[in-house]
Amino acid sequence: MPNEITEKDWKLFRRLHEVALERFCKRILEEVQDLAGSSTGSCHDRYLRVYQLMKTRDKAIAAAFNDLRRSTAFIALAIIVNTGFLTEAELDQFSSEARQIVDVYLDIKRA
């Protein structure tokens, strides 16, 4: 199994990385709106729920989107695939080798 992503897959990954990040952030902002706009609980309760959500989501974003490097691209791609923020059509654009490596990481996570 190669340690680094090919140039073609790397270029595709960098482009789709931005797409997935945008989708993830959109989802988070929608969740924040739902929590903040809820009529359940006091303003402070809603604030605490938003704060907790942001802490949780920040960890997820950091794992998949921070520190973009070729050497960690397969792991980041597997995390992004696991979150569901790439479509099958987008994932199919990667080489079969890259998809196999991502599948290995996903299998390890599931175990």
PDB file of N, CA and C in Angstrom:
ATOM      1  N   MET A   1       0.854  -1.172   0.000  1.00  0.00           N
ATOM      2  CA  MET A   1       0.000   0.000   0.000  1.00  0.00           C
ATOM      3  C   MET A   1       0.898   1.233   0.000  1.00  0.00           C
ATOM      4  N   PRO A   2       0.689   2.150  -0.945  1.00  0.00           N
ATOM      5  CA  PRO A   2       1.539   3.333  -1.012  1.00  0.00           C
ATOM      6  C   PRO A   2       1.316   4.251   0.189  1.00  0.00           C
ATOM      7  N   ASN A   3       2.371   4.958   0.545  1.00  0.00           N
ATOM      8  CA  ASN A   3       2.283   5.884   1.673  1.00  0.00           C
ATOM      9  C   ASN A   3       1.690   7.223   1.284  1.00  0.00           C
ATOM     10  N   GLU A   4       1.866   7.602   0.021  1.00  0.00           N
ATOM     11  CA  GLU A   4       1.401   8.911  -0.408  1.00  0.00           C
ATOM     12  C   GLU A   4       0.429   8.798  -1.561  1.00  0.00           C
ATOM     13  N   ILE A   5      -0.397   9.759  -1.640  1.00  0.00           N
ATOM     14  CA  ILE A   5      -1.421   9.844  -2.667  1.00  0.00           C
ATOM     15  C   ILE A   5      -0.776  10.277  -3.987  1.00  0.00           C
ATOM     16  N   THR A   6      -1.276   9.778  -5.100  1.00  0.00           N
ATOM     17  CA  THR A   6      -0.737  10.173  -6.401  1.00  0.00           C
ATOM     18  C   THR A   6      -1.066  11.639  -6.679  1.00  0.00           C
ATOM     19  N   GLU A   7      -0.346  12.215  -7.608  1.00  0.00           N
ATOM     20  CA  GLU A   7      -0.560  13.632  -7.954  1.00  0.00           C
ATOM     21  C   GLU A   7      -1.998  13.880  -8.426  1.00  0.00           C
ATOM     22  N   LYS A   8      -2.502  12.999  -9.275  1.00  0.00           N
ATOM     23  CA  LYS A   8      -3.871  13.156  -9.795  1.00  0.00           C
ATOM     24  C   LYS A   8      -4.893  13.093  -8.663  1.00  0.00           C
ATOM     25  N   ASP A   9      -4.759  12.087  -7.795  1.00  0.00           N
ATOM     26  CA  ASP A   9      -5.688  11.965  -6.672  1.00  0.00           C
ATOM     27  C   ASP A   9      -5.533  13.125  -5.695  1.00  0.00           C
ATOM     28  N   TRP A  10      -4.307  13.605  -5.512  1.00  0.00           N
ATOM     29  CA  TRP A  10      -4.057  14.731  -4.613  1.00  0.00           C
ATOM     30  C   TRP A  10      -4.769  15.987  -5.102  1.00  0.00           C
ATOM     31  N   LYS A  11      -4.666  16.270  -6.387  1.00  0.00           N
ATOM     32  CA  LYS A  11      -5.330  17.451  -6.950  1.00  0.00           C
ATOM     33  C   LYS A  11      -6.848  17.337  -6.786  1.00  0.00           C
ATOM     34  N   LEU A  12      -7.372  16.151  -7.046  1.00  0.00           N
ATOM     35  CA  LEU A  12      -8.808  15.919  -6.876  1.00  0.00           C
ATOM     36  C   LEU A  12      -9.193  16.047  -5.402  1.00  0.00           C
ATOM     37  N   PHE A  13      -8.385  15.471  -4.541  1.00  0.00           N
ATOM     38  CA  PHE A  13      -8.664  15.547  -3.109  1.00  0.00           C
ATOM     39  C   PHE A  13      -8.695  16.987  -2.617  1.00  0.00           C
ATOM     40  N   ARG A  14      -7.731  17.793  -3.027  1.00  0.00           N
ATOM     41  CA  ARG A  14      -7.710  19.203  -2.593  1.00  0.00           C
ATOM     42  C   ARG A  14      -8.971  19.930  -3.039  1.00  0.00           C
ATOM     43  N   ARG A  15      -9.430  19.644  -4.254  1.00  0.00           N
ATOM     44  CA  ARG A  15     -10.648  20.299  -4.753  1.00  0.00           C
ATOM     45  C   ARG A  15     -11.877  19.821  -3.980  1.00  0.00           C
ATOM     46  N   LEU A  16     -11.998  18.509  -3.807  1.00  0.00           N
ATOM     47  CA  LEU A  16     -13.172  17.964  -3.122  1.00  0.00           C
ATOM     48  C   LEU A  16     -13.119  18.203  -1.615  1.00  0.00           C
ATOM     49  N   HIS A  17     -11.937  18.383  -1.086  1.00  0.00           N
ATOM     50  CA  HIS A  17     -11.759  18.722   0.327  1.00  0.00           C
ATOM     51  C   HIS A  17     -12.519  20.009   0.642  1.00  0.00           C
ATOM     52  N   GLU A  18     -12.378  20.998  -0.230  1.00  0.00           N
ATOM     53  CA  GLU A  18     -13.078  22.277  -0.055  1.00  0.00           C
ATOM     54  C   GLU A  18     -14.590  22.109  -0.177  1.00  0.00           C
ATOM     55  N   VAL A  19     -15.019  21.284  -1.109  1.00  0.00           N
ATOM     56  CA  VAL A  19     -16.445  21.015  -1.305  1.00  0.00           C
ATOM     57  C   VAL A  19     -17.035  20.366  -0.050  1.00  0.00           C
ATOM     58  N   ALA A  20     -16.353  19.351   0.456  1.00  0.00           N
ATOM     59  CA  ALA A  20     -16.835  18.645   1.648  1.00  0.00           C
ATOM     60  C   ALA A  20     -16.825  19.560   2.871  1.00  0.00           C
ATOM     61  N   LEU A  21     -15.791  20.380   3.009  1.00  0.00           N
ATOM     62  CA  LEU A  21     -15.731  21.315   4.134  1.00  0.00           C
ATOM     63  C   LEU A  21     -16.904  22.290   4.085  1.00  0.00           C
ATOM     64  N   GLU A  22     -17.209  22.782   2.912  1.00  0.00           N
ATOM     65  CA  GLU A  22     -18.335  23.702   2.760  1.00  0.00           C
ATOM     66  C   GLU A  22     -19.650  23.011   3.148  1.00  0.00           C
ATOM     67  N   ARG A  23     -19.826  21.778   2.727  1.00  0.00           N
ATOM     68  CA  ARG A  23     -21.041  21.031   3.072  1.00  0.00           C
ATOM     69  C   ARG A  23     -21.130  20.793   4.578  1.00  0.00           C
ATOM     70  N   PHE A  24     -20.013  20.441   5.179  1.00  0.00           N
ATOM     71  CA  PHE A  24     -19.997  20.183   6.619  1.00  0.00           C
ATOM     72  C   PHE A  24     -20.326  21.457   7.391  1.00  0.00           C
ATOM     73  N   CYS A  25     -19.701  22.562   7.006  1.00  0.00           N
ATOM     74  CA  CYS A  25     -19.955  23.830   7.696  1.00  0.00           C
ATOM     75  C   CYS A  25     -21.414  24.265   7.526  1.00  0.00           C
ATOM     76  N   LYS A  26     -21.955  24.040   6.346  1.00  0.00           N
ATOM     77  CA  LYS A  26     -23.369  24.376   6.115  1.00  0.00           C
ATOM     78  C   LYS A  26     -24.259  23.578   7.060  1.00  0.00           C
ATOM     79  N   ARG A  27     -23.973  22.290   7.200  1.00  0.00           N
ATOM     80  CA  ARG A  27     -24.756  21.437   8.098  1.00  0.00           C
ATOM     81  C   ARG A  27     -24.643  21.927   9.542  1.00  0.00           C
ATOM     82  N   ILE A  28     -23.434  22.271   9.954  1.00  0.00           N
ATOM     83  CA  ILE A  28     -23.233  22.756  11.326  1.00  0.00           C
ATOM     84  C   ILE A  28     -24.013  24.040  11.556  1.00  0.00           C
ATOM     85  N   LEU A  29     -23.945  24.955  10.615  1.00  0.00           N
ATOM     86  CA  LEU A  29     -24.671  26.220  10.771  1.00  0.00           C
ATOM     87  C   LEU A  29     -26.184  25.991  10.833  1.00  0.00           C
ATOM     88  N   GLU A  30     -26.679  25.033  10.072  1.00  0.00           N
ATOM     89  CA  GLU A  30     -28.104  24.691  10.143  1.00  0.00           C
ATOM     90  C   GLU A  30     -28.452  24.132  11.520  1.00  0.00           C
ATOM     91  N   GLU A  31     -27.575  23.283  12.062  1.00  0.00           N
ATOM     92  CA  GLU A  31     -27.800  22.733  13.401  1.00  0.00           C
ATOM     93  C   GLU A  31     -27.786  23.841  14.456  1.00  0.00           C
ATOM     94  N   VAL A  32     -26.861  24.775  14.313  1.00  0.00           N
ATOM     95  CA  VAL A  32     -26.779  25.901  15.252  1.00  0.00           C
ATOM     96  C   VAL A  32     -28.059  26.732  15.176  1.00  0.00           C
ATOM     97  N   GLN A  33     -28.521  26.996  13.965  1.00  0.00           N
ATOM     98  CA  GLN A  33     -29.763  27.755  13.806  1.00  0.00           C
ATOM     99  C   GLN A  33     -30.935  27.051  14.477  1.00  0.00           C
ATOM    100  N   ASP A  34     -31.022  25.744  14.276  1.00  0.00           N
ATOM    101  CA  ASP A  34     -32.109  24.972  14.888  1.00  0.00           C
ATOM    102  C   ASP A  34     -32.047  25.055  16.413  1.00  0.00           C
ATOM    103  N   LEU A  35     -30.858  24.881  16.964  1.00  0.00           N
ATOM    104  CA  LEU A  35     -30.709  24.937  18.424  1.00  0.00           C
ATOM    105  C   LEU A  35     -30.986  26.335  18.966  1.00  0.00           C
ATOM    106  N   ALA A  36     -30.409  27.327  18.325  1.00  0.00           N
ATOM    107  CA  ALA A  36     -30.556  28.701  18.805  1.00  0.00           C
ATOM    108  C   ALA A  36     -31.989  29.192  18.651  1.00  0.00           C
ATOM    109  N   GLY A  37     -32.657  28.763  17.598  1.00  0.00           N
ATOM    110  CA  GLY A  37     -34.012  29.224  17.342  1.00  0.00           C
ATOM    111  C   GLY A  37     -35.090  28.425  18.049  1.00  0.00           C
ATOM    112  N   SER A  38     -34.694  27.385  18.749  1.00  0.00           N
ATOM    113  CA  SER A  38     -35.648  26.543  19.454  1.00  0.00           C
ATOM    114  C   SER A  38     -36.346  27.334  20.556  1.00  0.00           C
ATOM    115  N   SER A  39     -37.581  26.979  20.815  1.00  0.00           N
ATOM    116  CA  SER A  39     -38.305  27.621  21.920  1.00  0.00           C
ATOM    117  C   SER A  39     -38.232  26.779  23.187  1.00  0.00           C
ATOM    118  N   THR A  40     -37.473  25.691  23.126  1.00  0.00           N
ATOM    119  CA  THR A  40     -37.322  24.801  24.266  1.00  0.00           C
ATOM    120  C   THR A  40     -36.160  25.267  25.130  1.00  0.00           C
ATOM    121  N   GLY A  41     -36.441  25.484  26.395  1.00  0.00           N
ATOM    122  CA  GLY A  41     -35.393  25.872  27.332  1.00  0.00           C
ATOM    123  C   GLY A  41     -35.127  27.364  27.323  1.00  0.00           C
ATOM    124  N   SER A  42     -34.335  27.775  28.289  1.00  0.00           N
ATOM    125  CA  SER A  42     -33.984  29.189  28.409  1.00  0.00           C
ATOM    126  C   SER A  42     -32.939  29.552  27.361  1.00  0.00           C
ATOM    127  N   CYS A  43     -32.685  30.825  27.225  1.00  0.00           N
ATOM    128  CA  CYS A  43     -31.633  31.282  26.316  1.00  0.00           C
ATOM    129  C   CYS A  43     -30.287  30.680  26.720  1.00  0.00           C
ATOM    130  N   HIS A  44     -30.060  30.615  28.024  1.00  0.00           N
ATOM    131  CA  HIS A  44     -28.801  30.043  28.491  1.00  0.00           C
ATOM    132  C   HIS A  44     -28.706  28.563  28.149  1.00  0.00           C
ATOM    133  N   ASP A  45     -29.797  27.824  28.291  1.00  0.00           N
ATOM    134  CA  ASP A  45     -29.813  26.406  27.918  1.00  0.00           C
ATOM    135  C   ASP A  45     -29.494  26.236  26.430  1.00  0.00           C
ATOM    136  N   ARG A  46     -30.106  27.064  25.601  1.00  0.00           N
ATOM    137  CA  ARG A  46     -29.853  26.983  24.162  1.00  0.00           C
ATOM    138  C   ARG A  46     -28.409  27.343  23.849  1.00  0.00           C
ATOM    139  N   TYR A  47     -27.900  28.363  24.526  1.00  0.00           N
ATOM    140  CA  TYR A  47     -26.496  28.735  24.346  1.00  0.00           C
ATOM    141  C   TYR A  47     -25.586  27.559  24.695  1.00  0.00           C
ATOM    142  N   LEU A  48     -25.850  26.883  25.808  1.00  0.00           N
ATOM    143  CA  LEU A  48     -25.024  25.751  26.216  1.00  0.00           C
ATOM    144  C   LEU A  48     -25.087  24.614  25.199  1.00  0.00           C
ATOM    145  N   ARG A  49     -26.270  24.382  24.637  1.00  0.00           N
ATOM    146  CA  ARG A  49     -26.399  23.334  23.614  1.00  0.00           C
ATOM    147  C   ARG A  49     -25.620  23.711  22.348  1.00  0.00           C
ATOM    148  N   VAL A  50     -25.684  24.989  21.955  1.00  0.00           N
ATOM    149  CA  VAL A  50     -24.918  25.455  20.796  1.00  0.00           C
ATOM    150  C   VAL A  50     -23.425  25.321  21.073  1.00  0.00           C
ATOM    151  N   TYR A  51     -22.998  25.711  22.252  1.00  0.00           N
ATOM    152  CA  TYR A  51     -21.591  25.626  22.626  1.00  0.00           C
ATOM    153  C   TYR A  51     -21.098  24.178  22.578  1.00  0.00           C
ATOM    154  N   GLN A  52     -21.872  23.270  23.134  1.00  0.00           N
ATOM    155  CA  GLN A  52     -21.490  21.860  23.131  1.00  0.00           C
ATOM    156  C   GLN A  52     -21.437  21.308  21.708  1.00  0.00           C
ATOM    157  N   LEU A  53     -22.404  21.671  20.897  1.00  0.00           N
ATOM    158  CA  LEU A  53     -22.416  21.246  19.504  1.00  0.00           C
ATOM    159  C   LEU A  53     -21.159  21.740  18.790  1.00  0.00           C
ATOM    160  N   MET A  54     -20.808  23.002  18.989  1.00  0.00           N
ATOM    161  CA  MET A  54     -19.632  23.568  18.334  1.00  0.00           C
ATOM    162  C   MET A  54     -18.354  22.863  18.784  1.00  0.00           C
ATOM    163  N   LYS A  55     -18.254  22.532  20.058  1.00  0.00           N
ATOM    164  CA  LYS A  55     -17.075  21.801  20.537  1.00  0.00           C
ATOM    165  C   LYS A  55     -16.969  20.441  19.853  1.00  0.00           C
ATOM    166  N   THR A  56     -18.091  19.752  19.775  1.00  0.00           N
ATOM    167  CA  THR A  56     -18.113  18.429  19.168  1.00  0.00           C
ATOM    168  C   THR A  56     -17.801  18.502  17.679  1.00  0.00           C
ATOM    169  N   ARG A  57     -18.445  19.412  16.990  1.00  0.00           N
ATOM    170  CA  ARG A  57     -18.239  19.530  15.548  1.00  0.00           C
ATOM    171  C   ARG A  57     -16.835  20.031  15.220  1.00  0.00           C
ATOM    172  N   ASP A  58     -16.269  20.878  16.081  1.00  0.00           N
ATOM    173  CA  ASP A  58     -14.919  21.372  15.844  1.00  0.00           C
ATOM    174  C   ASP A  58     -13.909  20.228  15.843  1.00  0.00           C
ATOM    175  N   LYS A  59     -14.102  19.274  16.717  1.00  0.00           N
ATOM    176  CA  LYS A  59     -13.211  18.101  16.751  1.00  0.00           C
ATOM    177  C   LYS A  59     -13.344  17.303  15.458  1.00  0.00           C
ATOM    178  N   ALA A  60     -14.568  17.161  14.972  1.00  0.00           N
ATOM    179  CA  ALA A  60     -14.789  16.414  13.736  1.00  0.00           C
ATOM    180  C   ALA A  60     -14.178  17.144  12.537  1.00  0.00           C
ATOM    181  N   ILE A  61     -14.324  18.453  12.495  1.00  0.00           N
ATOM    182  CA  ILE A  61     -13.736  19.241  11.409  1.00  0.00           C
ATOM    183  C   ILE A  61     -12.221  19.150  11.458  1.00  0.00           C
ATOM    184  N   ALA A  62     -11.662  19.265  12.635  1.00  0.00           N
ATOM    185  CA  ALA A  62     -10.205  19.221  12.778  1.00  0.00           C
ATOM    186  C   ALA A  62      -9.646  17.901  12.265  1.00  0.00           C
ATOM    187  N   ALA A  63     -10.294  16.804  12.585  1.00  0.00           N
ATOM    188  CA  ALA A  63      -9.805  15.488  12.178  1.00  0.00           C
ATOM    189  C   ALA A  63      -9.780  15.339  10.658  1.00  0.00           C
ATOM    190  N   ALA A  64     -10.772  15.877   9.999  1.00  0.00           N
ATOM    191  CA  ALA A  64     -10.890  15.676   8.554  1.00  0.00           C
ATOM    192  C   ALA A  64     -10.297  16.796   7.713  1.00  0.00           C
ATOM    193  N   PHE A  65     -10.264  18.007   8.246  1.00  0.00           N
ATOM    194  CA  PHE A  65      -9.972  19.141   7.376  1.00  0.00           C
ATOM    195  C   PHE A  65      -8.748  19.970   7.755  1.00  0.00           C
ATOM    196  N   ASN A  66      -8.263  19.850   8.973  1.00  0.00           N
ATOM    197  CA  ASN A  66      -7.092  20.629   9.362  1.00  0.00           C
ATOM    198  C   ASN A  66      -5.819  19.925   8.926  1.00  0.00           C
ATOM    199  N   ASP A  67      -4.771  20.676   8.766  1.00  0.00           N
ATOM    200  CA  ASP A  67      -3.439  20.132   8.483  1.00  0.00           C
ATOM    201  C   ASP A  67      -3.431  19.255   7.237  1.00  0.00           C
ATOM    202  N   LEU A  68      -3.860  19.836   6.134  1.00  0.00           N
ATOM    203  CA  LEU A  68      -3.943  19.124   4.866  1.00  0.00           C
ATOM    204  C   LEU A  68      -2.540  18.815   4.350  1.00  0.00           C
ATOM    205  N   ARG A  69      -2.213  17.510   4.312  1.00  0.00           N
ATOM    206  CA  ARG A  69      -0.907  17.050   3.828  1.00  0.00           C
ATOM    207  C   ARG A  69      -1.098  15.802   2.982  1.00  0.00           C
ATOM    208  N   ARG A  70      -0.205  15.632   2.053  1.00  0.00           N
ATOM    209  CA  ARG A  70      -0.257  14.432   1.203  1.00  0.00           C
ATOM    210  C   ARG A  70      -0.108  13.167   2.034  1.00  0.00           C
ATOM    211  N   SER A  71       0.724  13.228   3.052  1.00  0.00           N
ATOM    212  CA  SER A  71       0.998  12.023   3.847  1.00  0.00           C
ATOM    213  C   SER A  71      -0.198  11.573   4.682  1.00  0.00           C
ATOM    214  N   THR A  72      -1.140  12.462   4.928  1.00  0.00           N
ATOM    215  CA  THR A  72      -2.325  12.101   5.715  1.00  0.00           C
ATOM    216  C   THR A  72      -3.614  12.170   4.888  1.00  0.00           C
ATOM    217  N   ALA A  73      -3.465  12.329   3.588  1.00  0.00           N
ATOM    218  CA  ALA A  73      -4.632  12.519   2.723  1.00  0.00           C
ATOM    219  C   ALA A  73      -5.591  11.336   2.757  1.00  0.00           C
ATOM    220  N   PHE A  74      -5.071  10.110   2.764  1.00  0.00           N
ATOM    221  CA  PHE A  74      -5.958   8.948   2.761  1.00  0.00           C
ATOM    222  C   PHE A  74      -6.783   8.867   4.040  1.00  0.00           C
ATOM    223  N   ILE A  75      -6.164   9.174   5.161  1.00  0.00           N
ATOM    224  CA  ILE A  75      -6.892   9.152   6.433  1.00  0.00           C
ATOM    225  C   ILE A  75      -7.972  10.231   6.424  1.00  0.00           C
ATOM    226  N   ALA A  76      -7.597  11.435   5.996  1.00  0.00           N
ATOM    227  CA  ALA A  76      -8.572  12.533   5.938  1.00  0.00           C
ATOM    228  C   ALA A  76      -9.703  12.195   4.977  1.00  0.00           C
ATOM    229  N   LEU A  77      -9.366  11.620   3.836  1.00  0.00           N
ATOM    230  CA  LEU A  77     -10.394  11.237   2.868  1.00  0.00           C
ATOM    231  C   LEU A  77     -11.329  10.195   3.459  1.00  0.00           C
ATOM    232  N   ALA A  78     -10.795   9.234   4.182  1.00  0.00           N
ATOM    233  CA  ALA A  78     -11.636   8.219   4.815  1.00  0.00           C
ATOM    234  C   ALA A  78     -12.585   8.855   5.830  1.00  0.00           C
ATOM    235  N   ILE A  79     -12.083   9.810   6.598  1.00  0.00           N
ATOM    236  CA  ILE A  79     -12.938  10.492   7.578  1.00  0.00           C
ATOM    237  C   ILE A  79     -14.041  11.256   6.861  1.00  0.00           C
ATOM    238  N   ILE A  80     -13.685  11.944   5.786  1.00  0.00           N
ATOM    239  CA  ILE A  80     -14.681  12.711   5.027  1.00  0.00           C
ATOM    240  C   ILE A  80     -15.723  11.772   4.423  1.00  0.00           C
ATOM    241  N   VAL A  81     -15.275  10.661   3.863  1.00  0.00           N
ATOM    242  CA  VAL A  81     -16.215   9.682   3.296  1.00  0.00           C
ATOM    243  C   VAL A  81     -17.139   9.163   4.393  1.00  0.00           C
ATOM    244  N   ASN A  82     -16.572   8.892   5.554  1.00  0.00           N
ATOM    245  CA  ASN A  82     -17.359   8.374   6.677  1.00  0.00           C
ATOM    246  C   ASN A  82     -18.423   9.370   7.141  1.00  0.00           C
ATOM    247  N   THR A  83     -18.142  10.659   7.017  1.00  0.00           N
ATOM    248  CA  THR A  83     -19.123  11.671   7.428  1.00  0.00           C
ATOM    249  C   THR A  83     -20.243  11.835   6.408  1.00  0.00           C
ATOM    250  N   GLY A  84     -20.017  11.342   5.186  1.00  0.00           N
ATOM    251  CA  GLY A  84     -21.055  11.412   4.168  1.00  0.00           C
ATOM    252  C   GLY A  84     -21.088  12.710   3.389  1.00  0.00           C
ATOM    253  N   PHE A  85     -20.023  13.472   3.427  1.00  0.00           N
ATOM    254  CA  PHE A  85     -20.027  14.764   2.751  1.00  0.00           C
ATOM    255  C   PHE A  85     -19.409  14.736   1.363  1.00  0.00           C
ATOM    256  N   LEU A  86     -19.165  13.542   0.843  1.00  0.00           N
ATOM    257  CA  LEU A  86     -18.806  13.364  -0.561  1.00  0.00           C
ATOM    258  C   LEU A  86     -19.818  12.416  -1.178  1.00  0.00           C
ATOM    259  N   THR A  87     -20.186  12.696  -2.394  1.00  0.00           N
ATOM    260  CA  THR A  87     -21.125  11.820  -3.090  1.00  0.00           C
ATOM    261  C   THR A  87     -20.384  10.619  -3.656  1.00  0.00           C
ATOM    262  N   GLU A  88     -21.128   9.599  -4.006  1.00  0.00           N
ATOM    263  CA  GLU A  88     -20.531   8.424  -4.644  1.00  0.00           C
ATOM    264  C   GLU A  88     -19.860   8.819  -5.960  1.00  0.00           C
ATOM    265  N   ALA A  89     -20.506   9.700  -6.708  1.00  0.00           N
ATOM    266  CA  ALA A  89     -19.931  10.149  -7.984  1.00  0.00           C
ATOM    267  C   ALA A  89     -18.595  10.856  -7.761  1.00  0.00           C
ATOM    268  N   GLU A  90     -18.506  11.652  -6.707  1.00  0.00           N
ATOM    269  CA  GLU A  90     -17.243  12.331  -6.396  1.00  0.00           C
ATOM    270  C   GLU A  90     -16.181  11.322  -5.976  1.00  0.00           C
ATOM    271  N   LEU A  91     -16.557  10.387  -5.150  1.00  0.00           N
ATOM    272  CA  LEU A  91     -15.617   9.369  -4.694  1.00  0.00           C
ATOM    273  C   LEU A  91     -15.140   8.498  -5.859  1.00  0.00           C
ATOM    274  N   ASP A  92     -16.016   8.233  -6.807  1.00  0.00           N
ATOM    275  CA  ASP A  92     -15.666   7.405  -7.966  1.00  0.00           C
ATOM    276  C   ASP A  92     -14.627   8.068  -8.871  1.00  0.00           C
ATOM    277  N   GLN A  93     -14.390   9.356  -8.700  1.00  0.00           N
ATOM    278  CA  GLN A  93     -13.383  10.052  -9.505  1.00  0.00           C
ATOM    279  C   GLN A  93     -11.956   9.690  -9.080  1.00  0.00           C
ATOM    280  N   PHE A  94     -11.804   9.167  -7.861  1.00  0.00           N
ATOM    281  CA  PHE A  94     -10.483   8.773  -7.384  1.00  0.00           C
ATOM    282  C   PHE A  94     -10.062   7.466  -8.044  1.00  0.00           C
ATOM    283  N   SER A  95      -8.766   7.250  -8.076  1.00  0.00           N
ATOM    284  CA  SER A  95      -8.246   6.003  -8.638  1.00  0.00           C
ATOM    285  C   SER A  95      -8.739   4.817  -7.806  1.00  0.00           C
ATOM    286  N   SER A  96      -8.739   3.646  -8.425  1.00  0.00           N
ATOM    287  CA  SER A  96      -9.177   2.457  -7.695  1.00  0.00           C
ATOM    288  C   SER A  96      -8.249   2.187  -6.510  1.00  0.00           C
ATOM    289  N   GLU A  97      -6.960   2.508  -6.654  1.00  0.00           N
ATOM    290  CA  GLU A  97      -6.011   2.318  -5.556  1.00  0.00           C
ATOM    291  C   GLU A  97      -6.376   3.208  -4.363  1.00  0.00           C
ATOM    292  N   ALA A  98      -6.693   4.457  -4.649  1.00  0.00           N
ATOM    293  CA  ALA A  98      -7.065   5.383  -3.567  1.00  0.00           C
ATOM    294  C   ALA A  98      -8.340   4.900  -2.878  1.00  0.00           C
ATOM    295  N   ARG A  99      -9.323   4.468  -3.643  1.00  0.00           N
ATOM    296  CA  ARG A  99     -10.576   3.988  -3.047  1.00  0.00           C
ATOM    297  C   ARG A  99     -10.332   2.736  -2.205  1.00  0.00           C
ATOM    298  N   GLN A 100      -9.440   1.864  -2.659  1.00  0.00           N
ATOM    299  CA  GLN A 100      -9.122   0.662  -1.882  1.00  0.00           C
ATOM    300  C   GLN A 100      -8.472   1.027  -0.549  1.00  0.00           C
ATOM    301  N   ILE A 101      -7.564   1.987  -0.579  1.00  0.00           N
ATOM    302  CA  ILE A 101      -6.904   2.413   0.658  1.00  0.00           C
ATOM    303  C   ILE A 101      -7.913   3.036   1.612  1.00  0.00           C
ATOM    304  N   VAL A 102      -8.800   3.853   1.084  1.00  0.00           N
ATOM    305  CA  VAL A 102      -9.842   4.456   1.913  1.00  0.00           C
ATOM    306  C   VAL A 102     -10.723   3.367   2.508  1.00  0.00           C
ATOM    307  N   ASP A 103     -11.063   2.359   1.716  1.00  0.00           N
ATOM    308  CA  ASP A 103     -11.876   1.244   2.226  1.00  0.00           C
ATOM    309  C   ASP A 103     -11.177   0.519   3.371  1.00  0.00           C
ATOM    310  N   VAL A 104      -9.867   0.366   3.276  1.00  0.00           N
ATOM    311  CA  VAL A 104      -9.108  -0.278   4.351  1.00  0.00           C
ATOM    312  C   VAL A 104      -9.237   0.546   5.641  1.00  0.00           C
ATOM    313  N   TYR A 105      -9.058   1.858   5.535  1.00  0.00           N
ATOM    314  CA  TYR A 105      -9.194   2.726   6.712  1.00  0.00           C
ATOM    315  C   TYR A 105     -10.609   2.659   7.279  1.00  0.00           C
ATOM    316  N   LEU A 106     -11.604   2.633   6.408  1.00  0.00           N
ATOM    317  CA  LEU A 106     -12.989   2.557   6.895  1.00  0.00           C
ATOM    318  C   LEU A 106     -13.262   1.220   7.573  1.00  0.00           C
ATOM    319  N   ASP A 107     -12.703   0.144   7.015  1.00  0.00           N
ATOM    320  CA  ASP A 107     -12.865  -1.180   7.639  1.00  0.00           C
ATOM    321  C   ASP A 107     -12.236  -1.215   9.028  1.00  0.00           C
ATOM    322  N   ILE A 108     -11.078  -0.583   9.157  1.00  0.00           N
ATOM    323  CA  ILE A 108     -10.411  -0.529  10.462  1.00  0.00           C
ATOM    324  C   ILE A 108     -11.276   0.238  11.457  1.00  0.00           C
ATOM    325  N   LYS A 109     -11.854   1.346  11.004  1.00  0.00           N
ATOM    326  CA  LYS A 109     -12.702   2.146  11.896  1.00  0.00           C
ATOM    327  C   LYS A 109     -13.921   1.361  12.356  1.00  0.00           C
ATOM    328  N   ARG A 110     -14.487   0.559  11.457  1.00  0.00           N
ATOM    329  CA  ARG A 110     -15.683  -0.215  11.777  1.00  0.00           C
ATOM    330  C   ARG A 110     -15.390  -1.368  12.730  1.00  0.00           C
ATOM    331  N   ALA A 111     -14.150  -1.841  12.718  1.00  0.00           N
ATOM    332  CA  ALA A 111     -13.781  -3.009  13.547  1.00  0.00           C
ATOM    333  C   ALA A 111     -13.724  -2.689  15.022  1.00  0.00           C
TER     334      ALA A 111
END
